[in-house]
Amino acid sequence: MQFLIDNAEPVKLAVYVLPLVAFLMFVNNLRLEAIRERDALFAENLGSSAQLLREAVPNRLELSNLLSIQALRSRVSVGTDRALRSGAILQRKILFERTLTAPVYEVALSPDGRFVAAKPTYGEPTGVWDIATGAQLAKCCVS
């Protein structure tokens, strides 16, 4: 008789506990899907708000672009990407203007954004300029 009672425990486990675990996993999947949908709607709303702000108040382009960036961070989609790209195109501004005598093949900005280096054709010296003042800081040959 003891043998039958000991063998009944795995059956109880299979009958009572496993369906409960499967149900909890199903509910968790539903919860995760709801969170993904909420995040997608939030991102789309941010992208739409950025677009509306851009159209209604053109001088607040930076704020509109920040909304677009947050939308893209929340959820990558065609709409959020489009909102950011359209704002970035409108926000272009000249940081530095310099007339060079030779075609430029490489340009690099310093990590802090204060300096720019331009490499003309092979053999020509590379120039380094301060963006704020426009002054040339250095000229060096780099091969």
C-alpha atoms as a PDB file:
ATOM      1  CA  MET A   1       0.000   0.000   0.000  1.00  0.00           C
ATOM      2  CA  GLN A   2       2.868   2.386   0.807  1.00  0.00           C
ATOM      3  CA  PHE A   3       4.200   1.939  -2.744  1.00  0.00           C
ATOM      4  CA  LEU A   4       0.940   3.227  -4.279  1.00  0.00           C
ATOM      5  CA  ILE A   5       0.901   6.326  -2.065  1.00  0.00           C
ATOM      6  CA  ASP A   6       4.516   7.209  -2.918  1.00  0.00           C
ATOM      7  CA  ASN A   7       3.840   6.850  -6.645  1.00  0.00           C
ATOM      8  CA  ALA A   8       0.766   9.088  -6.383  1.00  0.00           C
ATOM      9  CA  GLU A   9       2.862  12.219  -5.670  1.00  0.00           C
ATOM     10  CA  PRO A  10       4.309  12.561  -9.197  1.00  0.00           C
ATOM     11  CA  VAL A  11       0.814  12.117 -10.622  1.00  0.00           C
ATOM     12  CA  LYS A  12      -0.532  14.890  -8.366  1.00  0.00           C
ATOM     13  CA  LEU A  13       2.351  17.076  -9.516  1.00  0.00           C
ATOM     14  CA  ALA A  14       1.535  16.454 -13.153  1.00  0.00           C
ATOM     15  CA  VAL A  15      -2.197  16.937 -12.687  1.00  0.00           C
ATOM     16  CA  TYR A  16      -2.246  19.984 -10.426  1.00  0.00           C
ATOM     17  CA  VAL A  17       1.022  21.904 -10.670  1.00  0.00           C
ATOM     18  CA  LEU A  18       2.012  21.659 -14.343  1.00  0.00           C
ATOM     19  CA  PRO A  19      -1.251  23.152 -15.678  1.00  0.00           C
ATOM     20  CA  LEU A  20      -0.884  25.974 -13.171  1.00  0.00           C
ATOM     21  CA  VAL A  21       2.679  26.663 -14.360  1.00  0.00           C
ATOM     22  CA  ALA A  22       1.532  26.595 -18.004  1.00  0.00           C
ATOM     23  CA  PHE A  23      -1.283  29.032 -17.194  1.00  0.00           C
ATOM     24  CA  LEU A  24       1.109  31.406 -15.403  1.00  0.00           C
ATOM     25  CA  MET A  25       3.471  31.328 -18.384  1.00  0.00           C
ATOM     26  CA  PHE A  26       0.552  32.132 -20.701  1.00  0.00           C
ATOM     27  CA  VAL A  27      -0.514  35.072 -18.510  1.00  0.00           C
ATOM     28  CA  ASN A  28       3.073  36.349 -18.396  1.00  0.00           C
ATOM     29  CA  ASN A  29       3.293  36.236 -22.207  1.00  0.00           C
ATOM     30  CA  LEU A  30       0.059  38.235 -22.423  1.00  0.00           C
ATOM     31  CA  ARG A  31       1.509  40.787 -19.990  1.00  0.00           C
ATOM     32  CA  LEU A  32       4.734  41.110 -21.996  1.00  0.00           C
ATOM     33  CA  GLU A  33       2.787  41.558 -25.230  1.00  0.00           C
ATOM     34  CA  ALA A  34       0.679  44.295 -23.602  1.00  0.00           C
ATOM     35  CA  ILE A  35       3.865  46.060 -22.475  1.00  0.00           C
ATOM     36  CA  ARG A  36       5.295  45.885 -26.022  1.00  0.00           C
ATOM     37  CA  GLU A  37       2.093  47.312 -27.468  1.00  0.00           C
ATOM     38  CA  ARG A  38       2.057  50.093 -24.866  1.00  0.00           C
ATOM     39  CA  ASP A  39       5.671  50.987 -25.673  1.00  0.00           C
ATOM     40  CA  ALA A  40       4.913  51.002 -29.411  1.00  0.00           C
ATOM     41  CA  LEU A  41       1.951  53.346 -28.892  1.00  0.00           C
ATOM     42  CA  PHE A  42       4.034  55.571 -26.624  1.00  0.00           C
ATOM     43  CA  ALA A  43       6.785  55.810 -29.256  1.00  0.00           C
ATOM     44  CA  GLU A  44       4.305  56.553 -32.036  1.00  0.00           C
ATOM     45  CA  ASN A  45       2.662  59.249 -29.885  1.00  0.00           C
ATOM     46  CA  LEU A  46       6.053  60.841 -29.211  1.00  0.00           C
ATOM     47  CA  GLY A  47       6.874  60.776 -32.931  1.00  0.00           C
ATOM     48  CA  SER A  48       3.504  62.320 -33.780  1.00  0.00           C
ATOM     49  CA  SER A  49       3.949  64.968 -31.090  1.00  0.00           C
ATOM     50  CA  ALA A  50       7.366  65.806 -32.502  1.00  0.00           C
ATOM     51  CA  GLN A  51       5.882  66.181 -35.988  1.00  0.00           C
ATOM     52  CA  LEU A  52       3.024  68.379 -34.724  1.00  0.00           C
ATOM     53  CA  LEU A  53       5.406  70.538 -32.688  1.00  0.00           C
ATOM     54  CA  ARG A  54       7.667  70.938 -35.720  1.00  0.00           C
ATOM     55  CA  GLU A  55       4.736  72.126 -37.843  1.00  0.00           C
ATOM     56  CA  ALA A  56       3.067  74.321 -35.198  1.00  0.00           C
ATOM     57  CA  VAL A  57       6.143  75.975 -33.673  1.00  0.00           C
ATOM     58  CA  PRO A  58       9.037  75.916 -36.173  1.00  0.00           C
ATOM     59  CA  ASN A  59      11.427  77.751 -33.818  1.00  0.00           C
ATOM     60  CA  ARG A  60      11.258  74.818 -31.327  1.00  0.00           C
ATOM     61  CA  LEU A  61      13.050  72.425 -33.665  1.00  0.00           C
ATOM     62  CA  GLU A  62      15.520  71.235 -31.011  1.00  0.00           C
ATOM     63  CA  LEU A  63      12.699  70.169 -28.684  1.00  0.00           C
ATOM     64  CA  SER A  64      10.959  68.429 -31.557  1.00  0.00           C
ATOM     65  CA  ASN A  65      14.146  66.517 -32.368  1.00  0.00           C
ATOM     66  CA  LEU A  66      14.574  65.498 -28.721  1.00  0.00           C
ATOM     67  CA  LEU A  67      11.043  64.066 -28.777  1.00  0.00           C
ATOM     68  CA  SER A  68      11.904  62.195 -31.966  1.00  0.00           C
ATOM     69  CA  ILE A  69      15.078  60.789 -30.418  1.00  0.00           C
ATOM     70  CA  GLN A  70      13.155  59.579 -27.355  1.00  0.00           C
ATOM     71  CA  ALA A  71      10.547  57.998 -29.623  1.00  0.00           C
ATOM     72  CA  LEU A  72      13.269  56.166 -31.534  1.00  0.00           C
ATOM     73  CA  ARG A  73      14.874  54.999 -28.283  1.00  0.00           C
ATOM     74  CA  SER A  74      11.522  53.689 -27.057  1.00  0.00           C
ATOM     75  CA  ARG A  75      10.685  51.780 -30.216  1.00  0.00           C
ATOM     76  CA  VAL A  76      12.413  51.640 -33.573  1.00  0.00           C
ATOM     77  CA  SER A  77       9.835  52.003 -36.315  1.00  0.00           C
ATOM     78  CA  VAL A  78       9.487  53.627 -39.696  1.00  0.00           C
ATOM     79  CA  GLY A  79       7.417  56.456 -38.237  1.00  0.00           C
ATOM     80  CA  THR A  80       9.846  57.328 -35.454  1.00  0.00           C
ATOM     81  CA  ASP A  81      12.799  57.111 -37.825  1.00  0.00           C
ATOM     82  CA  ARG A  82      11.056  59.375 -40.335  1.00  0.00           C
ATOM     83  CA  ALA A  83      10.209  61.916 -37.620  1.00  0.00           C
ATOM     84  CA  LEU A  84      13.836  62.119 -36.528  1.00  0.00           C
ATOM     85  CA  ARG A  85      15.234  62.334 -40.056  1.00  0.00           C
ATOM     86  CA  SER A  86      12.852  65.104 -41.121  1.00  0.00           C
ATOM     87  CA  GLY A  87      13.723  67.115 -38.017  1.00  0.00           C
ATOM     88  CA  ALA A  88      17.457  66.571 -38.435  1.00  0.00           C
ATOM     89  CA  ILE A  89      17.314  67.792 -42.033  1.00  0.00           C
ATOM     90  CA  LEU A  90      15.524  70.974 -40.972  1.00  0.00           C
ATOM     91  CA  GLN A  91      17.930  71.649 -38.108  1.00  0.00           C
ATOM     92  CA  ARG A  92      21.100  71.730 -40.167  1.00  0.00           C
ATOM     93  CA  LYS A  93      23.199  74.735 -39.439  1.00  0.00           C
ATOM     94  CA  ILE A  94      26.630  75.819 -40.502  1.00  0.00           C
ATOM     95  CA  LEU A  95      29.089  75.280 -37.691  1.00  0.00           C
ATOM     96  CA  PHE A  96      32.171  76.267 -39.582  1.00  0.00           C
ATOM     97  CA  GLU A  97      32.883  77.647 -43.030  1.00  0.00           C
ATOM     98  CA  ARG A  98      36.299  77.683 -44.615  1.00  0.00           C
ATOM     99  CA  THR A  99      37.475  78.026 -48.202  1.00  0.00           C
ATOM    100  CA  LEU A 100      40.153  75.512 -49.103  1.00  0.00           C
ATOM    101  CA  THR A 101      42.319  75.513 -52.186  1.00  0.00           C
ATOM    102  CA  ALA A 102      42.247  71.726 -52.717  1.00  0.00           C
ATOM    103  CA  PRO A 103      39.441  69.126 -52.595  1.00  0.00           C
ATOM    104  CA  VAL A 104      38.902  67.665 -49.141  1.00  0.00           C
ATOM    105  CA  TYR A 105      38.917  63.859 -48.842  1.00  0.00           C
ATOM    106  CA  GLU A 106      38.578  63.401 -45.082  1.00  0.00           C
ATOM    107  CA  VAL A 107      37.017  65.481 -42.308  1.00  0.00           C
ATOM    108  CA  ALA A 108      37.030  64.712 -38.577  1.00  0.00           C
ATOM    109  CA  LEU A 109      35.498  66.446 -35.584  1.00  0.00           C
ATOM    110  CA  SER A 110      37.063  66.316 -32.151  1.00  0.00           C
ATOM    111  CA  PRO A 111      35.048  64.329 -29.568  1.00  0.00           C
ATOM    112  CA  ASP A 112      34.038  67.526 -27.780  1.00  0.00           C
ATOM    113  CA  GLY A 113      33.016  69.197 -31.065  1.00  0.00           C
ATOM    114  CA  ARG A 114      35.380  72.151 -30.650  1.00  0.00           C
ATOM    115  CA  PHE A 115      37.851  71.384 -33.450  1.00  0.00           C
ATOM    116  CA  VAL A 116      37.682  70.181 -37.038  1.00  0.00           C
ATOM    117  CA  ALA A 117      40.442  68.623 -39.108  1.00  0.00           C
ATOM    118  CA  ALA A 118      40.379  68.482 -42.904  1.00  0.00           C
ATOM    119  CA  LYS A 119      42.637  66.286 -45.044  1.00  0.00           C
ATOM    120  CA  PRO A 120      42.989  67.468 -48.641  1.00  0.00           C
ATOM    121  CA  THR A 121      44.519  65.433 -51.460  1.00  0.00           C
ATOM    122  CA  TYR A 122      47.502  63.167 -50.877  1.00  0.00           C
ATOM    123  CA  GLY A 123      50.613  65.126 -49.984  1.00  0.00           C
ATOM    124  CA  GLU A 124      48.757  68.259 -48.901  1.00  0.00           C
ATOM    125  CA  PRO A 125      48.978  69.206 -45.209  1.00  0.00           C
ATOM    126  CA  THR A 126      46.068  68.495 -42.878  1.00  0.00           C
ATOM    127  CA  GLY A 127      44.607  71.554 -41.223  1.00  0.00           C
ATOM    128  CA  VAL A 128      43.074  71.822 -37.767  1.00  0.00           C
ATOM    129  CA  TRP A 129      40.669  74.677 -36.976  1.00  0.00           C
ATOM    130  CA  ASP A 130      38.851  75.963 -33.914  1.00  0.00           C
ATOM    131  CA  ILE A 131      35.131  75.880 -34.789  1.00  0.00           C
ATOM    132  CA  ALA A 132      34.169  78.741 -32.453  1.00  0.00           C
ATOM    133  CA  THR A 133      36.705  81.246 -33.795  1.00  0.00           C
ATOM    134  CA  GLY A 134      37.481  79.824 -37.239  1.00  0.00           C
ATOM    135  CA  ALA A 135      41.202  80.206 -36.557  1.00  0.00           C
ATOM    136  CA  GLN A 136      43.585  77.625 -37.978  1.00  0.00           C
ATOM    137  CA  LEU A 137      45.405  76.047 -35.063  1.00  0.00           C
ATOM    138  CA  ALA A 138      47.747  73.671 -36.824  1.00  0.00           C
ATOM    139  CA  LYS A 139      48.931  72.449 -40.197  1.00  0.00           C
ATOM    140  CA  CYS A 140      50.661  69.129 -40.386  1.00  0.00           C
ATOM    141  CA  CYS A 141      51.604  66.497 -42.949  1.00  0.00           C
ATOM    142  CA  VAL A 142      50.000  63.139 -42.288  1.00  0.00           C
ATOM    143  CA  SER A 143      50.400  60.362 -44.808  1.00  0.00           C
END
